[in-house]
Amino acid sequence: MSIRTLLVDDEELARRGLRIRLERAGDVEIVGECANGREAIAAIPRLAPELVFLDVQMPEVTGFDVIEAIGAEAAPHIIFVTAHDQYAVRAFEVHALDYLLKPIDDERLTQALRRARFSLASRRDENLASRLAAAVASMSTGGAAVAARPGSDRLAIPIGDRVVVVRVADIDWVEAAGNYVSIHVGKKTWLLRETIAGMDQRLAPHGFARIHRSTLVSIERVAELRTLANGEFAVHLHDGTTLKLTRSYRHALDALAGGGL
């Protein structure tokens, strides 16, 4: 996939030299050139480049003025280009991807492009995963979010550039892992960014009981309960997994034992 790139420099010769070198890279598409900062401010929203080679020192509107006008959060990836290195610190303060000194060394340009490829690939993967998760979430009858609506029968779990769809009925147990939860399905484990409290609310309508501050279990997977000396219980699942039910969650016993305790 080509990198949509905009060149901004008040020196036409500098733009031409950079354009020729970038075209040799094979995966860079030059979508436009700007001779000053004002042109860049107008062109960036219109052309939507993914990468901008931005000269720092330009008359009237500098490269930093361009970033300020666009907004650092909305700006594409920026590689600053200048003949002076005193701007380097400020360049990285506005989250520039890289900083190249004129005359640009071929190896430094190669490094900057490598960094741009990696960063853009990561962003594309995140965006794709988000779109896929949203698409999966819209598959319910009313178009409501499957991944977020309590009572939904599927979970959409983003993993890199893909989304795994897990049926709630297939989940054995869930364990808290910081700001994430580990979802155990047979011999597989999926990591989802969600709190254990959120998962409790989501899975309770599907026959899950909270047996520990960090553990949920499918009632259907429970094979046996064994009392422990401290008033707690060992919860044995059909697949051989053993979990602990603490005294704080003794109210879950009725659900696990079908009301027989």
Protein backbone atom coordinates (compact mmCIF):
# COMPACT_ATOMS: atom_id res chain seq x y z
CA MET A 1 0.00 0.00 0.00
CA SER A 2 1.38 3.40 -1.01
CA ILE A 3 2.07 6.13 1.53
CA ARG A 4 0.19 9.29 0.57
CA THR A 5 2.84 11.99 0.96
CA LEU A 6 2.87 15.79 0.80
CA LEU A 7 6.04 17.86 0.33
CA VAL A 8 6.20 21.32 1.90
CA ASP A 9 9.26 23.50 1.27
CA ASP A 10 9.70 27.05 0.02
CA GLU A 11 12.66 25.95 -2.12
CA GLU A 12 11.52 24.34 -5.36
CA LEU A 13 14.90 22.68 -5.87
CA ALA A 14 14.67 21.05 -2.44
CA ARG A 15 11.19 19.71 -3.22
CA ARG A 16 12.34 18.34 -6.55
CA GLY A 17 15.32 16.53 -5.04
CA LEU A 18 13.24 15.03 -2.28
CA ARG A 19 10.51 13.99 -4.71
CA ILE A 20 12.97 12.13 -6.93
CA ARG A 21 14.45 10.26 -3.98
CA LEU A 22 11.08 9.36 -2.52
CA GLU A 23 9.77 8.09 -5.86
CA ARG A 24 12.64 5.60 -5.89
CA ALA A 25 11.30 4.08 -2.66
CA GLY A 26 8.50 2.43 -4.63
CA ASP A 27 5.76 2.77 -2.01
CA VAL A 28 5.53 6.56 -1.72
CA GLU A 29 2.80 8.43 -3.61
CA ILE A 30 3.40 12.18 -3.83
CA VAL A 31 -0.11 13.64 -3.65
CA GLY A 32 0.98 17.27 -3.71
CA GLU A 33 3.60 19.95 -3.11
CA CYS A 34 3.36 23.23 -1.26
CA ALA A 35 5.71 26.22 -1.55
CA ASN A 36 4.78 27.81 1.77
CA GLY A 37 3.02 27.23 5.07
CA ARG A 38 -0.29 28.79 4.03
CA GLU A 39 -0.57 26.39 1.10
CA ALA A 40 0.18 23.50 3.46
CA ILE A 41 -2.56 24.52 5.92
CA ALA A 42 -5.06 24.46 3.06
CA ALA A 43 -3.72 21.33 1.38
CA ILE A 44 -3.44 18.94 4.32
CA PRO A 45 -7.21 18.74 5.07
CA ARG A 46 -7.99 18.65 1.34
CA LEU A 47 -5.45 16.03 0.23
CA ALA A 48 -5.46 13.98 3.46
CA PRO A 49 -1.83 12.87 3.24
CA GLU A 50 -0.59 10.19 5.62
CA LEU A 51 2.91 11.65 5.71
CA VAL A 52 4.20 15.22 5.33
CA PHE A 53 7.81 16.27 4.80
CA LEU A 54 7.60 19.73 6.31
CA ASP A 55 10.27 22.42 6.11
CA VAL A 56 10.66 24.28 9.39
CA GLN A 57 11.95 27.65 8.16
CA MET A 58 9.55 29.21 5.67
CA PRO A 59 8.62 32.88 5.28
CA GLU A 60 5.61 34.15 7.25
CA VAL A 61 4.24 30.73 8.22
CA THR A 62 6.76 28.26 9.61
CA GLY A 63 6.44 24.51 9.83
CA PHE A 64 5.52 24.84 13.50
CA ASP A 65 2.81 27.35 12.57
CA VAL A 66 1.38 24.76 10.19
CA ILE A 67 1.14 22.18 12.99
CA GLU A 68 -0.44 24.73 15.32
CA ALA A 69 -3.03 25.69 12.70
CA ILE A 70 -3.98 22.10 11.93
CA GLY A 71 -3.72 20.82 15.48
CA ALA A 72 -1.16 18.26 16.58
CA GLU A 73 -3.82 15.62 17.23
CA ALA A 74 -5.35 15.98 13.76
CA ALA A 75 -2.07 16.29 11.88
CA PRO A 76 -0.74 13.44 9.73
CA HIS A 77 2.67 11.96 10.44
CA ILE A 78 5.25 14.74 10.16
CA ILE A 79 8.90 14.51 9.21
CA PHE A 80 10.50 17.92 9.69
CA VAL A 81 13.20 19.01 7.24
CA THR A 82 15.55 21.93 7.95
CA ALA A 83 19.10 23.13 7.55
CA HIS A 84 19.42 23.88 11.27
CA ASP A 85 19.36 21.47 14.19
CA GLN A 86 18.28 23.91 16.91
CA TYR A 87 14.64 23.04 16.21
CA ALA A 88 15.04 19.32 16.91
CA VAL A 89 13.76 19.39 20.49
CA ARG A 90 10.71 21.44 19.61
CA ALA A 91 10.00 19.16 16.64
CA PHE A 92 9.66 16.14 18.90
CA GLU A 93 7.64 18.15 21.41
CA VAL A 94 4.93 18.42 18.75
CA HIS A 95 5.21 14.65 18.17
CA ALA A 96 7.10 14.73 14.88
CA LEU A 97 7.87 11.29 13.52
CA ASP A 98 11.42 12.27 12.57
CA TYR A 99 13.70 15.23 11.94
CA LEU A 100 16.00 15.45 8.91
CA LEU A 101 18.83 17.92 8.40
CA LYS A 102 19.64 19.39 4.99
CA PRO A 103 21.39 18.22 2.95
CA ILE A 104 19.49 15.00 3.61
CA ASP A 105 21.63 11.91 3.95
CA ASP A 106 20.34 8.88 2.02
CA GLU A 107 20.65 6.57 5.02
CA ARG A 108 18.76 9.00 7.29
CA LEU A 109 15.99 9.29 4.71
CA THR A 110 15.79 5.50 4.54
CA GLN A 111 15.54 5.33 8.34
CA ALA A 112 12.82 7.98 8.39
CA LEU A 113 10.80 6.09 5.79
CA ARG A 114 11.24 2.86 7.71
CA ARG A 115 9.89 4.55 10.81
CA ALA A 116 6.98 5.99 8.84
CA ARG A 117 6.08 2.58 7.38
CA PHE A 118 6.07 0.97 10.81
CA SER A 119 4.00 3.72 12.42
CA LEU A 120 1.48 3.84 9.58
CA ALA A 121 1.11 0.06 9.53
CA SER A 122 0.37 0.10 13.26
CA ARG A 123 -2.21 2.84 12.83
CA ARG A 124 -3.87 1.03 9.92
CA ASP A 125 -4.04 -2.18 11.93
CA GLU A 126 -5.67 -0.37 14.85
CA ASN A 127 -8.18 1.33 12.57
CA LEU A 128 -8.99 -1.92 10.78
CA ALA A 129 -9.49 -3.76 14.04
CA SER A 130 -11.79 -0.99 15.28
CA ARG A 131 -13.83 -1.06 12.07
CA LEU A 132 -14.10 -4.84 12.13
CA ALA A 133 -15.15 -4.82 15.74
CA ALA A 134 -17.82 -2.22 14.99
CA ALA A 135 -19.02 -4.26 12.00
CA VAL A 136 -19.28 -7.41 14.09
CA ALA A 137 -21.04 -5.45 16.82
CA SER A 138 -23.70 -4.28 14.35
CA MET A 139 -24.70 -7.85 13.43
CA SER A 140 -27.38 -8.07 16.09
CA THR A 141 -31.02 -7.84 15.00
CA GLY A 142 -31.50 -4.24 16.01
CA GLY A 143 -28.05 -3.11 14.98
CA ALA A 144 -27.06 -2.55 18.61
CA ALA A 145 -23.48 -3.13 19.67
CA VAL A 146 -22.96 -6.83 20.33
CA ALA A 147 -19.65 -6.33 22.11
CA ALA A 148 -21.04 -3.79 24.55
CA ARG A 149 -24.71 -4.69 25.14
CA PRO A 150 -25.48 -6.96 28.10
CA GLY A 151 -27.34 -10.03 26.88
CA SER A 152 -25.59 -10.22 23.51
CA ASP A 153 -24.51 -13.72 22.58
CA ARG A 154 -21.15 -12.89 20.97
CA LEU A 155 -17.98 -10.99 21.81
CA ALA A 156 -15.85 -9.24 19.18
CA ILE A 157 -12.19 -9.41 20.24
CA PRO A 158 -9.69 -7.28 18.22
CA ILE A 159 -6.37 -9.05 17.71
CA GLY A 160 -3.90 -7.11 15.55
CA ASP A 161 -5.43 -6.76 12.07
CA ARG A 162 -8.29 -9.19 12.69
CA VAL A 163 -11.26 -9.66 14.98
CA VAL A 164 -12.12 -12.98 16.62
CA VAL A 165 -15.82 -13.59 17.23
CA VAL A 166 -16.43 -15.68 20.35
CA ARG A 167 -19.81 -17.11 21.28
CA VAL A 168 -20.63 -16.45 24.92
CA ALA A 169 -21.95 -20.01 25.18
CA ASP A 170 -18.42 -21.29 24.40
CA ILE A 171 -16.71 -19.40 27.23
CA ASP A 172 -15.61 -21.53 30.20
CA TRP A 173 -14.39 -18.86 32.59
CA VAL A 174 -13.02 -15.31 32.70
CA GLU A 175 -10.16 -13.91 34.72
CA ALA A 176 -9.19 -10.28 35.44
CA ALA A 177 -5.81 -9.15 34.08
CA GLY A 178 -5.33 -5.49 34.98
CA ASN A 179 -7.38 -3.38 32.57
CA TYR A 180 -8.03 -6.51 30.55
CA VAL A 181 -9.77 -9.84 31.04
CA SER A 182 -8.55 -13.26 29.92
CA ILE A 183 -11.38 -15.18 28.27
CA HIS A 184 -10.87 -18.93 28.45
CA VAL A 185 -12.47 -20.97 25.68
CA GLY A 186 -11.35 -24.59 25.75
CA LYS A 187 -7.59 -24.60 25.31
CA LYS A 188 -7.56 -21.05 23.92
CA THR A 189 -7.32 -17.79 25.80
CA TRP A 190 -8.28 -14.39 24.39
CA LEU A 191 -7.37 -11.02 25.89
CA LEU A 192 -10.02 -8.29 25.81
CA ARG A 193 -9.76 -4.71 27.09
CA GLU A 194 -12.58 -4.75 29.65
CA THR A 195 -12.94 -4.76 33.42
CA ILE A 196 -14.08 -7.84 35.31
CA ALA A 197 -17.05 -5.81 36.59
CA GLY A 198 -18.04 -4.98 33.04
CA MET A 199 -17.77 -8.62 32.01
CA ASP A 200 -19.82 -9.64 35.04
CA GLN A 201 -22.64 -7.36 33.94
CA ARG A 202 -22.37 -8.56 30.37
CA LEU A 203 -22.23 -12.29 31.08
CA ALA A 204 -24.57 -12.64 34.08
CA PRO A 205 -27.66 -13.01 31.83
CA HIS A 206 -25.92 -15.97 30.18
CA GLY A 207 -25.46 -18.04 33.31
CA PHE A 208 -22.12 -16.79 34.59
CA ALA A 209 -21.42 -16.40 38.29
CA ARG A 210 -18.75 -14.31 39.95
CA ILE A 211 -16.88 -16.51 42.42
CA HIS A 212 -13.89 -14.28 43.16
CA ARG A 213 -13.12 -10.59 42.77
CA SER A 214 -11.14 -11.54 39.65
CA THR A 215 -13.02 -14.61 38.37
CA LEU A 216 -16.25 -15.39 36.54
CA VAL A 217 -17.31 -18.92 35.63
CA SER A 218 -19.97 -20.44 33.40
CA ILE A 219 -22.34 -22.36 35.64
CA GLU A 220 -22.70 -25.01 32.92
CA ARG A 221 -18.98 -25.80 33.15
CA VAL A 222 -19.00 -26.56 36.90
CA ALA A 223 -18.61 -30.26 37.67
CA GLU A 224 -17.94 -30.27 41.41
CA LEU A 225 -17.62 -28.08 44.47
CA ARG A 226 -15.36 -28.96 47.38
CA THR A 227 -15.27 -27.22 50.74
CA LEU A 228 -11.97 -25.85 51.99
CA ALA A 229 -10.87 -25.40 55.60
CA ASN A 230 -11.13 -21.59 55.51
CA GLY A 231 -14.77 -21.51 54.45
CA GLU A 232 -13.94 -21.16 50.79
CA PHE A 233 -14.74 -23.63 48.01
CA ALA A 234 -12.74 -25.25 45.24
CA VAL A 235 -14.69 -25.09 42.00
CA HIS A 236 -13.79 -27.91 39.61
CA LEU A 237 -14.76 -27.58 35.96
CA HIS A 238 -15.46 -30.40 33.54
CA ASP A 239 -12.16 -29.79 31.73
CA GLY A 240 -10.15 -30.25 34.94
CA THR A 241 -9.62 -26.57 35.72
CA THR A 242 -9.85 -25.70 39.41
CA LEU A 243 -10.93 -22.23 40.52
CA LYS A 244 -11.56 -20.75 43.96
CA LEU A 245 -14.82 -19.40 45.34
CA THR A 246 -14.02 -16.98 48.17
CA ARG A 247 -16.18 -16.24 51.19
CA SER A 248 -17.07 -12.80 49.79
CA TYR A 249 -18.90 -14.53 46.94
CA ARG A 250 -20.67 -17.32 48.87
CA HIS A 251 -23.94 -16.01 47.46
CA ALA A 252 -22.84 -17.57 44.14
CA LEU A 253 -23.20 -21.04 45.67
CA ASP A 254 -26.92 -21.22 45.01
CA ALA A 255 -26.35 -20.51 41.33
CA LEU A 256 -23.53 -23.03 41.03
CA ALA A 257 -25.36 -25.78 42.92
CA GLY A 258 -28.75 -25.13 41.39
CA GLY A 259 -30.19 -23.92 44.69
CA GLY A 260 -29.21 -27.11 46.47
CA LEU A 261 -27.06 -25.46 49.16
